Amino acid sequence: MASRVFAADEPAQPTCTFGYVQGLLGQNKLTPRRMAQYLTALIEQHGFPAPLPALVKGGTLTTGVHPRSTWIRAAVHAWLDGTLPPPIAATLDQQAFAAAAMDMDARAATLRLVGGRDVA
């Protein structure tokens, strides 16, 4: 059962949700309960960042993992960057660079000079 996608999963947001982390780790087939166990083990055994404290019943804060947990996006990505073998990380960087270059080229093609002169 895949988790829902929330507005916090937008790249511009500083935080990301349980479902975003689940997808990022390629664990979409795990139930939310099993995914919470998996994330707890990653936190305890492999230094994965803990979620932000959440307010639970009774007005207390918890950093335990649950389906409504949120993480600092940069911390999650930094952890992933540190766990990928260098050749794979380099390949992903090259792919991101190529995609960004294609995007910039496509946008540059639509630019028009304002107040300039025509070149004949």
N, C-alpha and C. Protein backbone atom coordinates (compact mmCIF):
# COMPACT_ATOMS: atom_id res chain seq x y z
N MET A 1 0.84 -1.17 0.00
CA MET A 1 0.00 0.00 0.00
C MET A 1 0.90 1.24 0.00
N ALA A 2 0.84 2.01 -1.02
CA ALA A 2 1.67 3.23 -1.12
C ALA A 2 1.05 4.35 -0.30
N SER A 3 1.91 5.15 0.28
CA SER A 3 1.43 6.29 1.07
C SER A 3 1.02 7.42 0.15
N ARG A 4 0.19 8.32 0.68
CA ARG A 4 -0.28 9.46 -0.10
C ARG A 4 0.83 10.48 -0.29
N VAL A 5 0.70 11.28 -1.33
CA VAL A 5 1.64 12.37 -1.58
C VAL A 5 1.02 13.64 -1.03
N PHE A 6 1.80 14.43 -0.32
CA PHE A 6 1.32 15.65 0.31
C PHE A 6 2.04 16.86 -0.26
N ALA A 7 1.51 18.04 0.02
CA ALA A 7 2.14 19.28 -0.43
C ALA A 7 3.57 19.40 0.07
N ALA A 8 3.88 18.80 1.21
CA ALA A 8 5.24 18.85 1.75
C ALA A 8 6.22 18.09 0.86
N ASP A 9 5.72 17.33 -0.10
CA ASP A 9 6.59 16.60 -1.00
C ASP A 9 7.04 17.43 -2.20
N GLU A 10 6.58 18.66 -2.30
CA GLU A 10 7.02 19.54 -3.36
C GLU A 10 8.49 19.89 -3.13
N PRO A 11 9.32 19.88 -4.18
CA PRO A 11 10.75 20.13 -4.01
C PRO A 11 11.10 21.44 -3.31
N ALA A 12 10.26 22.46 -3.42
CA ALA A 12 10.57 23.74 -2.79
C ALA A 12 10.35 23.72 -1.28
N GLN A 13 9.64 22.73 -0.77
CA GLN A 13 9.36 22.65 0.66
C GLN A 13 10.59 22.15 1.43
N PRO A 14 10.82 22.67 2.63
CA PRO A 14 11.99 22.24 3.41
C PRO A 14 11.81 20.87 4.07
N THR A 15 10.58 20.39 4.11
CA THR A 15 10.33 19.09 4.74
C THR A 15 9.74 18.11 3.73
N CYS A 16 9.79 16.83 4.09
CA CYS A 16 9.19 15.80 3.25
C CYS A 16 8.45 14.81 4.14
N THR A 17 7.53 14.10 3.56
CA THR A 17 6.64 13.22 4.31
C THR A 17 7.13 11.77 4.32
N PHE A 18 6.46 10.99 5.12
CA PHE A 18 6.68 9.55 5.24
C PHE A 18 6.60 8.90 3.85
N GLY A 19 5.56 9.24 3.09
CA GLY A 19 5.38 8.66 1.75
C GLY A 19 6.51 9.03 0.80
N TYR A 20 6.99 10.26 0.89
CA TYR A 20 8.11 10.70 0.05
C TYR A 20 9.35 9.89 0.38
N VAL A 21 9.64 9.74 1.67
CA VAL A 21 10.81 8.97 2.10
C VAL A 21 10.66 7.52 1.67
N GLN A 22 9.47 6.98 1.80
CA GLN A 22 9.21 5.60 1.40
C GLN A 22 9.52 5.40 -0.08
N GLY A 23 9.05 6.31 -0.92
CA GLY A 23 9.33 6.22 -2.35
C GLY A 23 10.79 6.42 -2.67
N LEU A 24 11.43 7.36 -1.99
CA LEU A 24 12.84 7.64 -2.21
C LEU A 24 13.70 6.42 -1.90
N LEU A 25 13.30 5.66 -0.90
CA LEU A 25 14.04 4.46 -0.51
C LEU A 25 13.61 3.23 -1.31
N GLY A 26 12.64 3.40 -2.21
CA GLY A 26 12.20 2.29 -3.06
C GLY A 26 11.44 1.22 -2.29
N GLN A 27 10.72 1.61 -1.27
CA GLN A 27 10.01 0.65 -0.42
C GLN A 27 8.50 0.81 -0.51
N ASN A 28 7.98 1.12 -1.68
CA ASN A 28 6.55 1.40 -1.85
C ASN A 28 5.64 0.21 -1.56
N LYS A 29 6.18 -1.00 -1.57
CA LYS A 29 5.33 -2.16 -1.34
C LYS A 29 5.14 -2.49 0.14
N LEU A 30 5.91 -1.83 1.00
CA LEU A 30 5.76 -2.08 2.43
C LEU A 30 4.50 -1.39 2.97
N THR A 31 3.85 -2.03 3.92
CA THR A 31 2.72 -1.39 4.59
C THR A 31 3.26 -0.24 5.44
N PRO A 32 2.41 0.73 5.80
CA PRO A 32 2.90 1.82 6.65
C PRO A 32 3.53 1.33 7.96
N ARG A 33 2.95 0.30 8.57
CA ARG A 33 3.51 -0.23 9.82
C ARG A 33 4.90 -0.82 9.60
N ARG A 34 5.04 -1.61 8.54
CA ARG A 34 6.34 -2.23 8.25
C ARG A 34 7.36 -1.16 7.84
N MET A 35 6.91 -0.14 7.11
CA MET A 35 7.81 0.94 6.70
C MET A 35 8.29 1.71 7.92
N ALA A 36 7.41 1.93 8.89
CA ALA A 36 7.81 2.61 10.12
C ALA A 36 8.88 1.80 10.85
N GLN A 37 8.73 0.48 10.86
CA GLN A 37 9.74 -0.38 11.48
C GLN A 37 11.06 -0.29 10.72
N TYR A 38 10.98 -0.28 9.40
CA TYR A 38 12.17 -0.19 8.56
C TYR A 38 12.90 1.13 8.81
N LEU A 39 12.15 2.24 8.85
CA LEU A 39 12.76 3.55 9.09
C LEU A 39 13.36 3.64 10.49
N THR A 40 12.68 3.07 11.48
CA THR A 40 13.21 3.07 12.84
C THR A 40 14.54 2.33 12.89
N ALA A 41 14.63 1.19 12.20
CA ALA A 41 15.89 0.43 12.15
C ALA A 41 16.97 1.23 11.42
N LEU A 42 16.61 1.92 10.34
CA LEU A 42 17.60 2.75 9.63
C LEU A 42 18.12 3.86 10.54
N ILE A 43 17.24 4.46 11.32
CA ILE A 43 17.63 5.53 12.23
C ILE A 43 18.58 4.99 13.31
N GLU A 44 18.20 3.88 13.92
CA GLU A 44 18.97 3.32 15.03
C GLU A 44 20.28 2.67 14.58
N GLN A 45 20.27 2.02 13.42
CA GLN A 45 21.43 1.22 13.03
C GLN A 45 22.31 1.85 11.95
N HIS A 46 21.76 2.80 11.19
CA HIS A 46 22.52 3.34 10.06
C HIS A 46 22.56 4.85 10.00
N GLY A 47 22.11 5.52 11.05
CA GLY A 47 22.24 6.97 11.12
C GLY A 47 21.30 7.76 10.23
N PHE A 48 20.20 7.14 9.78
CA PHE A 48 19.21 7.88 9.00
C PHE A 48 18.66 8.99 9.89
N PRO A 49 18.39 10.18 9.33
CA PRO A 49 17.89 11.27 10.17
C PRO A 49 16.53 10.95 10.81
N ALA A 50 16.39 11.35 12.05
CA ALA A 50 15.12 11.16 12.76
C ALA A 50 14.10 12.16 12.23
N PRO A 51 12.82 11.80 12.31
CA PRO A 51 11.79 12.76 11.87
C PRO A 51 11.73 13.95 12.82
N LEU A 52 11.11 15.00 12.35
CA LEU A 52 10.87 16.17 13.20
C LEU A 52 9.93 15.77 14.34
N PRO A 53 10.07 16.38 15.50
CA PRO A 53 9.15 16.05 16.59
C PRO A 53 7.71 16.35 16.18
N ALA A 54 6.83 15.42 16.52
CA ALA A 54 5.41 15.58 16.19
C ALA A 54 4.60 15.62 17.48
N LEU A 55 3.56 16.41 17.48
CA LEU A 55 2.67 16.52 18.63
C LEU A 55 1.70 15.34 18.59
N VAL A 56 1.65 14.59 19.67
CA VAL A 56 0.76 13.43 19.73
C VAL A 56 -0.30 13.66 20.80
N LYS A 57 -1.22 12.70 20.91
CA LYS A 57 -2.29 12.79 21.92
C LYS A 57 -1.70 13.09 23.29
N GLY A 58 -2.33 13.97 23.99
CA GLY A 58 -1.86 14.33 25.32
C GLY A 58 -0.91 15.52 25.31
N GLY A 59 -0.64 16.06 24.11
CA GLY A 59 0.18 17.25 24.01
C GLY A 59 1.67 17.04 24.18
N THR A 60 2.14 15.80 24.00
CA THR A 60 3.58 15.56 24.11
C THR A 60 4.19 15.46 22.72
N LEU A 61 5.49 15.66 22.67
CA LEU A 61 6.22 15.55 21.41
C LEU A 61 6.91 14.19 21.32
N THR A 62 6.95 13.65 20.11
CA THR A 62 7.64 12.39 19.88
C THR A 62 8.45 12.48 18.59
N THR A 63 9.58 11.78 18.59
CA THR A 63 10.35 11.67 17.34
C THR A 63 10.23 10.25 16.80
N GLY A 64 9.29 9.49 17.34
CA GLY A 64 9.05 8.15 16.82
C GLY A 64 8.52 8.23 15.39
N VAL A 65 8.78 7.18 14.63
CA VAL A 65 8.35 7.14 13.23
C VAL A 65 6.91 6.65 13.15
N HIS A 66 6.09 7.38 12.42
CA HIS A 66 4.71 6.99 12.15
C HIS A 66 4.32 7.57 10.79
N PRO A 67 3.21 7.13 10.21
CA PRO A 67 2.85 7.57 8.85
C PRO A 67 2.66 9.08 8.66
N ARG A 68 2.53 9.84 9.74
CA ARG A 68 2.41 11.30 9.59
C ARG A 68 3.74 12.02 9.89
N SER A 69 4.81 11.26 10.03
CA SER A 69 6.12 11.86 10.32
C SER A 69 6.59 12.72 9.15
N THR A 70 7.38 13.74 9.48
CA THR A 70 8.02 14.57 8.45
C THR A 70 9.50 14.69 8.78
N TRP A 71 10.29 14.86 7.73
CA TRP A 71 11.74 14.96 7.86
C TRP A 71 12.23 16.24 7.20
N ILE A 72 13.39 16.69 7.61
CA ILE A 72 14.07 17.78 6.91
C ILE A 72 14.57 17.18 5.59
N ARG A 73 14.08 17.71 4.49
CA ARG A 73 14.41 17.18 3.16
C ARG A 73 15.92 17.12 2.92
N ALA A 74 16.62 18.19 3.26
CA ALA A 74 18.07 18.24 3.01
C ALA A 74 18.80 17.15 3.79
N ALA A 75 18.34 16.85 5.00
CA ALA A 75 18.98 15.81 5.81
C ALA A 75 18.79 14.43 5.18
N VAL A 76 17.60 14.18 4.67
CA VAL A 76 17.32 12.89 4.00
C VAL A 76 18.20 12.75 2.77
N HIS A 77 18.27 13.80 1.95
CA HIS A 77 19.08 13.72 0.74
C HIS A 77 20.57 13.64 1.06
N ALA A 78 21.01 14.32 2.12
CA ALA A 78 22.42 14.25 2.52
C ALA A 78 22.77 12.83 2.96
N TRP A 79 21.86 12.18 3.69
CA TRP A 79 22.10 10.80 4.12
C TRP A 79 22.20 9.89 2.90
N LEU A 80 21.29 10.06 1.96
CA LEU A 80 21.33 9.24 0.75
C LEU A 80 22.61 9.49 -0.04
N ASP A 81 23.03 10.74 -0.13
CA ASP A 81 24.26 11.06 -0.86
C ASP A 81 25.46 10.37 -0.23
N GLY A 82 25.44 10.21 1.09
CA GLY A 82 26.55 9.57 1.78
C GLY A 82 26.51 8.06 1.73
N THR A 83 25.39 7.46 1.31
CA THR A 83 25.29 6.01 1.30
C THR A 83 25.41 5.41 -0.09
N LEU A 84 25.33 6.23 -1.12
CA LEU A 84 25.45 5.71 -2.47
C LEU A 84 26.91 5.49 -2.83
N PRO A 85 27.22 4.39 -3.50
CA PRO A 85 28.59 4.20 -3.97
C PRO A 85 28.96 5.34 -4.94
N PRO A 86 30.20 5.82 -4.91
CA PRO A 86 30.60 6.96 -5.75
C PRO A 86 30.23 6.84 -7.23
N PRO A 87 30.42 5.67 -7.88
CA PRO A 87 30.05 5.61 -9.31
C PRO A 87 28.55 5.85 -9.55
N ILE A 88 27.71 5.35 -8.65
CA ILE A 88 26.27 5.54 -8.83
C ILE A 88 25.91 7.00 -8.56
N ALA A 89 26.49 7.58 -7.51
CA ALA A 89 26.24 8.99 -7.22
C ALA A 89 26.69 9.87 -8.39
N ALA A 90 27.84 9.54 -8.98
CA ALA A 90 28.33 10.31 -10.13
C ALA A 90 27.39 10.19 -11.31
N THR A 91 26.87 9.00 -11.55
CA THR A 91 25.92 8.79 -12.65
C THR A 91 24.66 9.61 -12.43
N LEU A 92 24.14 9.60 -11.20
CA LEU A 92 22.95 10.39 -10.90
C LEU A 92 23.22 11.87 -11.07
N ASP A 93 24.41 12.33 -10.64
CA ASP A 93 24.78 13.74 -10.81
C ASP A 93 24.85 14.10 -12.29
N GLN A 94 25.43 13.21 -13.10
CA GLN A 94 25.54 13.46 -14.54
C GLN A 94 24.16 13.52 -15.18
N GLN A 95 23.27 12.63 -14.76
CA GLN A 95 21.91 12.64 -15.29
C GLN A 95 21.19 13.93 -14.91
N ALA A 96 21.35 14.36 -13.68
CA ALA A 96 20.72 15.61 -13.23
C ALA A 96 21.30 16.80 -13.98
N PHE A 97 22.62 16.80 -14.20
CA PHE A 97 23.27 17.88 -14.93
C PHE A 97 22.76 17.93 -16.37
N ALA A 98 22.66 16.76 -17.02
CA ALA A 98 22.18 16.71 -18.41
C ALA A 98 20.73 17.19 -18.50
N ALA A 99 19.90 16.77 -17.55
CA ALA A 99 18.50 17.19 -17.55
C ALA A 99 18.39 18.70 -17.34
N ALA A 100 19.20 19.25 -16.44
CA ALA A 100 19.18 20.70 -16.20
C ALA A 100 19.66 21.46 -17.44
N ALA A 101 20.68 20.95 -18.11
CA ALA A 101 21.20 21.60 -19.32
C ALA A 101 20.14 21.61 -20.42
N MET A 102 19.43 20.49 -20.58
CA MET A 102 18.38 20.42 -21.60
C MET A 102 17.25 21.40 -21.26
N ASP A 103 16.91 21.49 -19.99
CA ASP A 103 15.86 22.42 -19.55
C ASP A 103 16.28 23.87 -19.82
N MET A 104 17.53 24.21 -19.50
CA MET A 104 18.02 25.57 -19.75
C MET A 104 18.05 25.88 -21.24
N ASP A 105 18.46 24.92 -22.06
CA ASP A 105 18.49 25.12 -23.51
C ASP A 105 17.08 25.37 -24.05
N ALA A 106 16.12 24.58 -23.56
CA ALA A 106 14.74 24.74 -24.01
C ALA A 106 14.19 26.11 -23.61
N ARG A 107 14.50 26.55 -22.41
CA ARG A 107 14.03 27.86 -21.96
C ARG A 107 14.75 28.99 -22.68
N ALA A 108 16.03 28.81 -22.97
CA ALA A 108 16.79 29.84 -23.66
C ALA A 108 16.25 30.06 -25.08
N ALA A 109 15.74 29.01 -25.68
CA ALA A 109 15.21 29.12 -27.04
C ALA A 109 13.98 30.03 -27.10
N THR A 110 13.32 30.22 -25.97
CA THR A 110 12.12 31.06 -25.95
C THR A 110 12.39 32.49 -25.49
N LEU A 111 13.63 32.78 -25.14
CA LEU A 111 13.96 34.14 -24.69
C LEU A 111 13.95 35.12 -25.86
N ARG A 112 13.51 36.31 -25.58
CA ARG A 112 13.50 37.37 -26.59
C ARG A 112 14.18 38.59 -25.98
N LEU A 113 14.95 39.29 -26.77
CA LEU A 113 15.62 40.49 -26.33
C LEU A 113 14.61 41.63 -26.26
N VAL A 114 14.53 42.29 -25.13
CA VAL A 114 13.59 43.39 -24.94
C VAL A 114 14.37 44.70 -25.06
N GLY A 115 13.91 45.58 -25.94
CA GLY A 115 14.55 46.88 -26.09
C GLY A 115 15.88 46.82 -26.82
N GLY A 116 16.16 45.69 -27.41
CA GLY A 116 17.42 45.54 -28.15
C GLY A 116 17.24 45.89 -29.61
N ARG A 117 18.24 45.67 -30.34
CA ARG A 117 18.13 45.95 -31.78
C ARG A 117 18.18 44.64 -32.55
N ASP A 118 17.56 44.65 -33.69
CA ASP A 118 17.57 43.47 -34.54
C ASP A 118 18.92 43.34 -35.20
N VAL A 119 19.38 42.14 -35.27
CA VAL A 119 20.65 41.87 -35.95
C VAL A 119 20.31 41.30 -37.32
N ALA A 120 20.84 41.94 -38.36
CA ALA A 120 20.52 41.49 -39.71
C ALA A 120 21.61 40.65 -40.29
